[in-house]
Amino acid sequence: MLDGDLPILRVNAAGILAKLPGQGYADQVARVLAHDEDVRHLYLTAVISRVCAADWTTAGRIASQPTSYAHRVDFLATRLAREALNPRDSGARWCSSVMLRELSPMIGRSPA
C-alpha cells in the first residue's frame, strides 16, 4: 500500500486492508488515500463505478471532475451517502465522504 511500484498494486493492498474487520487499518488507508493521488483516483473510480453502476470510464471522469456531473448530483449524492456508511470498507467510506464534499455545493440546486 505504501511502496508498491505500481498504483494498481498499492490500491489493491489498500482495498484489502480497508476491508479487514475492525478499524485497525482505517487510519492508514485514509492517509494513503489522502496523499497518494494515483491510489485515490483508482479507489474513487472503483467506488463510483460500483455504487453508481457506472462504467469505468464514466466513473473515472466523475472522480476527476465531479462538478461536471451536476445534472446527476442527486443520484450520485444518494448513492454515495449510503456508501459512506458501509461498515465493511473504510476506503469506500473515505472516498464517498470526499465525493460528497465535492458535490455538496450542487446538492439541492436545480440543474441549469
C-alpha atoms as a PDB file:
ATOM      1  CA  MET A   1       0.000   0.000   0.000  1.00  0.00           C
ATOM      2  CA  LEU A   2       2.883   2.353   0.725  1.00  0.00           C
ATOM      3  CA  ASP A   3       5.705   1.302  -1.531  1.00  0.00           C
ATOM      4  CA  GLY A   4       4.381  -0.833  -4.371  1.00  0.00           C
ATOM      5  CA  ASP A   5       5.910   0.112  -7.702  1.00  0.00           C
ATOM      6  CA  LEU A   6       2.574   0.381  -9.485  1.00  0.00           C
ATOM      7  CA  PRO A   7      -0.549   2.260  -8.397  1.00  0.00           C
ATOM      8  CA  ILE A   8      -2.680  -0.836  -9.059  1.00  0.00           C
ATOM      9  CA  LEU A   9      -0.620  -2.787  -6.511  1.00  0.00           C
ATOM     10  CA  ARG A  10      -0.957  -0.015  -3.941  1.00  0.00           C
ATOM     11  CA  VAL A  11      -4.707   0.373  -4.447  1.00  0.00           C
ATOM     12  CA  ASN A  12      -5.244  -3.376  -4.263  1.00  0.00           C
ATOM     13  CA  ALA A  13      -3.299  -3.517  -0.991  1.00  0.00           C
ATOM     14  CA  ALA A  14      -5.279  -0.565   0.374  1.00  0.00           C
ATOM     15  CA  GLY A  15      -8.518  -2.241  -0.670  1.00  0.00           C
ATOM     16  CA  ILE A  16      -7.623  -5.456   1.132  1.00  0.00           C
ATOM     17  CA  LEU A  17      -6.657  -3.619   4.319  1.00  0.00           C
ATOM     18  CA  ALA A  18      -9.753  -1.400   4.132  1.00  0.00           C
ATOM     19  CA  LYS A  19     -11.977  -4.471   4.185  1.00  0.00           C
ATOM     20  CA  LEU A  20     -10.458  -6.149   7.233  1.00  0.00           C
ATOM     21  CA  PRO A  21     -12.822  -6.304  10.209  1.00  0.00           C
ATOM     22  CA  GLY A  22     -12.493  -3.509  12.741  1.00  0.00           C
ATOM     23  CA  GLN A  23     -10.800  -0.173  12.357  1.00  0.00           C
ATOM     24  CA  GLY A  24      -7.194  -1.308  12.746  1.00  0.00           C
ATOM     25  CA  TYR A  25      -6.068  -0.160   9.311  1.00  0.00           C
ATOM     26  CA  ALA A  26      -8.690   2.513   8.595  1.00  0.00           C
ATOM     27  CA  ASP A  27      -6.409   5.426   9.540  1.00  0.00           C
ATOM     28  CA  GLN A  28      -3.547   4.095   7.434  1.00  0.00           C
ATOM     29  CA  VAL A  29      -5.823   3.551   4.440  1.00  0.00           C
ATOM     30  CA  ALA A  30      -7.223   7.070   4.843  1.00  0.00           C
ATOM     31  CA  ARG A  31      -3.703   8.536   4.953  1.00  0.00           C
ATOM     32  CA  VAL A  32      -2.734   6.731   1.759  1.00  0.00           C
ATOM     33  CA  LEU A  33      -5.930   7.869   0.028  1.00  0.00           C
ATOM     34  CA  ALA A  34      -5.302  11.443   1.145  1.00  0.00           C
ATOM     35  CA  HIS A  35      -1.685  11.551  -0.011  1.00  0.00           C
ATOM     36  CA  ASP A  36      -1.309   9.158  -2.966  1.00  0.00           C
ATOM     37  CA  GLU A  37      -3.121  10.737  -5.915  1.00  0.00           C
ATOM     38  CA  ASP A  38      -2.906   7.648  -8.120  1.00  0.00           C
ATOM     39  CA  VAL A  39      -4.322   5.347  -5.439  1.00  0.00           C
ATOM     40  CA  ARG A  40      -7.029   7.877  -4.580  1.00  0.00           C
ATOM     41  CA  HIS A  41      -8.148   8.164  -8.213  1.00  0.00           C
ATOM     42  CA  LEU A  42      -8.286   4.389  -8.694  1.00  0.00           C
ATOM     43  CA  TYR A  43     -10.159   3.820  -5.429  1.00  0.00           C
ATOM     44  CA  LEU A  44     -12.605   6.668  -6.131  1.00  0.00           C
ATOM     45  CA  THR A  45     -13.213   5.313  -9.619  1.00  0.00           C
ATOM     46  CA  ALA A  46     -13.861   1.809  -8.279  1.00  0.00           C
ATOM     47  CA  VAL A  47     -16.276   3.049  -5.615  1.00  0.00           C
ATOM     48  CA  ILE A  48     -18.176   5.279  -8.046  1.00  0.00           C
ATOM     49  CA  SER A  49     -18.340   2.508 -10.629  1.00  0.00           C
ATOM     50  CA  ARG A  50     -19.722   0.026  -8.111  1.00  0.00           C
ATOM     51  CA  VAL A  51     -22.186   2.166  -6.159  1.00  0.00           C
ATOM     52  CA  CYS A  52     -23.445   4.227  -9.109  1.00  0.00           C
ATOM     53  CA  ALA A  53     -23.442   1.367 -11.653  1.00  0.00           C
ATOM     54  CA  ALA A  54     -21.235   3.452 -13.952  1.00  0.00           C
ATOM     55  CA  ASP A  55     -18.788   2.075 -16.475  1.00  0.00           C
ATOM     56  CA  TRP A  56     -15.115   2.517 -15.596  1.00  0.00           C
ATOM     57  CA  THR A  57     -14.525   5.434 -17.974  1.00  0.00           C
ATOM     58  CA  THR A  58     -17.525   7.397 -16.734  1.00  0.00           C
ATOM     59  CA  ALA A  59     -16.657   6.652 -13.110  1.00  0.00           C
ATOM     60  CA  GLY A  60     -13.129   7.937 -13.719  1.00  0.00           C
ATOM     61  CA  ARG A  61     -14.492  11.151 -15.190  1.00  0.00           C
ATOM     62  CA  ILE A  62     -16.807  11.634 -12.213  1.00  0.00           C
ATOM     63  CA  ALA A  63     -13.880  11.055  -9.850  1.00  0.00           C
ATOM     64  CA  SER A  64     -11.765  13.611 -11.724  1.00  0.00           C
ATOM     65  CA  GLN A  65     -14.425  16.255 -12.350  1.00  0.00           C
ATOM     66  CA  PRO A  66     -17.440  15.749 -10.083  1.00  0.00           C
ATOM     67  CA  THR A  67     -18.812  19.227 -10.789  1.00  0.00           C
ATOM     68  CA  SER A  68     -19.267  18.348 -14.457  1.00  0.00           C
ATOM     69  CA  TYR A  69     -21.985  15.890 -13.394  1.00  0.00           C
ATOM     70  CA  ALA A  70     -24.309  18.485 -11.847  1.00  0.00           C
ATOM     71  CA  HIS A  71     -27.191  17.012 -13.829  1.00  0.00           C
ATOM     72  CA  ARG A  72     -26.763  13.738 -11.855  1.00  0.00           C
ATOM     73  CA  VAL A  73     -25.838  15.204  -8.471  1.00  0.00           C
ATOM     74  CA  ASP A  74     -28.920  13.955  -6.594  1.00  0.00           C
ATOM     75  CA  PHE A  75     -28.403  10.409  -7.883  1.00  0.00           C
ATOM     76  CA  LEU A  76     -24.682  10.467  -7.098  1.00  0.00           C
ATOM     77  CA  ALA A  77     -25.163  12.009  -3.653  1.00  0.00           C
ATOM     78  CA  THR A  78     -27.847   9.495  -2.685  1.00  0.00           C
ATOM     79  CA  ARG A  79     -25.716   6.522  -3.677  1.00  0.00           C
ATOM     80  CA  LEU A  80     -22.530   7.919  -2.121  1.00  0.00           C
ATOM     81  CA  ALA A  81     -24.309   8.857   1.124  1.00  0.00           C
ATOM     82  CA  ARG A  82     -25.399   5.245   1.501  1.00  0.00           C
ATOM     83  CA  GLU A  83     -21.857   4.037   0.801  1.00  0.00           C
ATOM     84  CA  ALA A  84     -20.422   6.490   3.347  1.00  0.00           C
ATOM     85  CA  LEU A  85     -21.982   4.228   5.985  1.00  0.00           C
ATOM     86  CA  ASN A  86     -20.523   0.986   4.614  1.00  0.00           C
ATOM     87  CA  PRO A  87     -19.216  -0.885   7.686  1.00  0.00           C
ATOM     88  CA  ARG A  88     -17.180  -3.310   5.562  1.00  0.00           C
ATOM     89  CA  ASP A  89     -14.883  -0.931   3.658  1.00  0.00           C
ATOM     90  CA  SER A  90     -13.155   2.028   5.318  1.00  0.00           C
ATOM     91  CA  GLY A  91     -11.699   3.093   1.958  1.00  0.00           C
ATOM     92  CA  ALA A  92     -15.142   3.276   0.364  1.00  0.00           C
ATOM     93  CA  ARG A  93     -16.396   5.326   3.323  1.00  0.00           C
ATOM     94  CA  TRP A  94     -13.483   7.757   2.926  1.00  0.00           C
ATOM     95  CA  CYS A  95     -13.933   8.040  -0.856  1.00  0.00           C
ATOM     96  CA  SER A  96     -17.691   8.509  -0.585  1.00  0.00           C
ATOM     97  CA  SER A  97     -17.255  11.233   2.010  1.00  0.00           C
ATOM     98  CA  VAL A  98     -14.725  13.046  -0.165  1.00  0.00           C
ATOM     99  CA  MET A  99     -17.029  12.877  -3.170  1.00  0.00           C
ATOM    100  CA  LEU A 100     -19.961  14.157  -1.093  1.00  0.00           C
ATOM    101  CA  ARG A 101     -17.800  17.092  -0.013  1.00  0.00           C
ATOM    102  CA  GLU A 102     -17.029  17.861  -3.657  1.00  0.00           C
ATOM    103  CA  LEU A 103     -20.669  17.556  -4.688  1.00  0.00           C
ATOM    104  CA  SER A 104     -22.126  19.414  -1.682  1.00  0.00           C
ATOM    105  CA  PRO A 105     -22.284  22.887  -3.319  1.00  0.00           C
ATOM    106  CA  MET A 106     -24.517  21.416  -6.043  1.00  0.00           C
ATOM    107  CA  ILE A 107     -26.828  19.268  -3.909  1.00  0.00           C
ATOM    108  CA  GLY A 108     -30.356  20.629  -3.873  1.00  0.00           C
ATOM    109  CA  ARG A 109     -29.838  23.011  -6.791  1.00  0.00           C
ATOM    110  CA  SER A 110     -31.799  22.677  -9.973  1.00  0.00           C
ATOM    111  CA  PRO A 111     -29.622  21.807 -12.967  1.00  0.00           C
ATOM    112  CA  ALA A 112     -29.213  24.647 -15.427  1.00  0.00           C
END
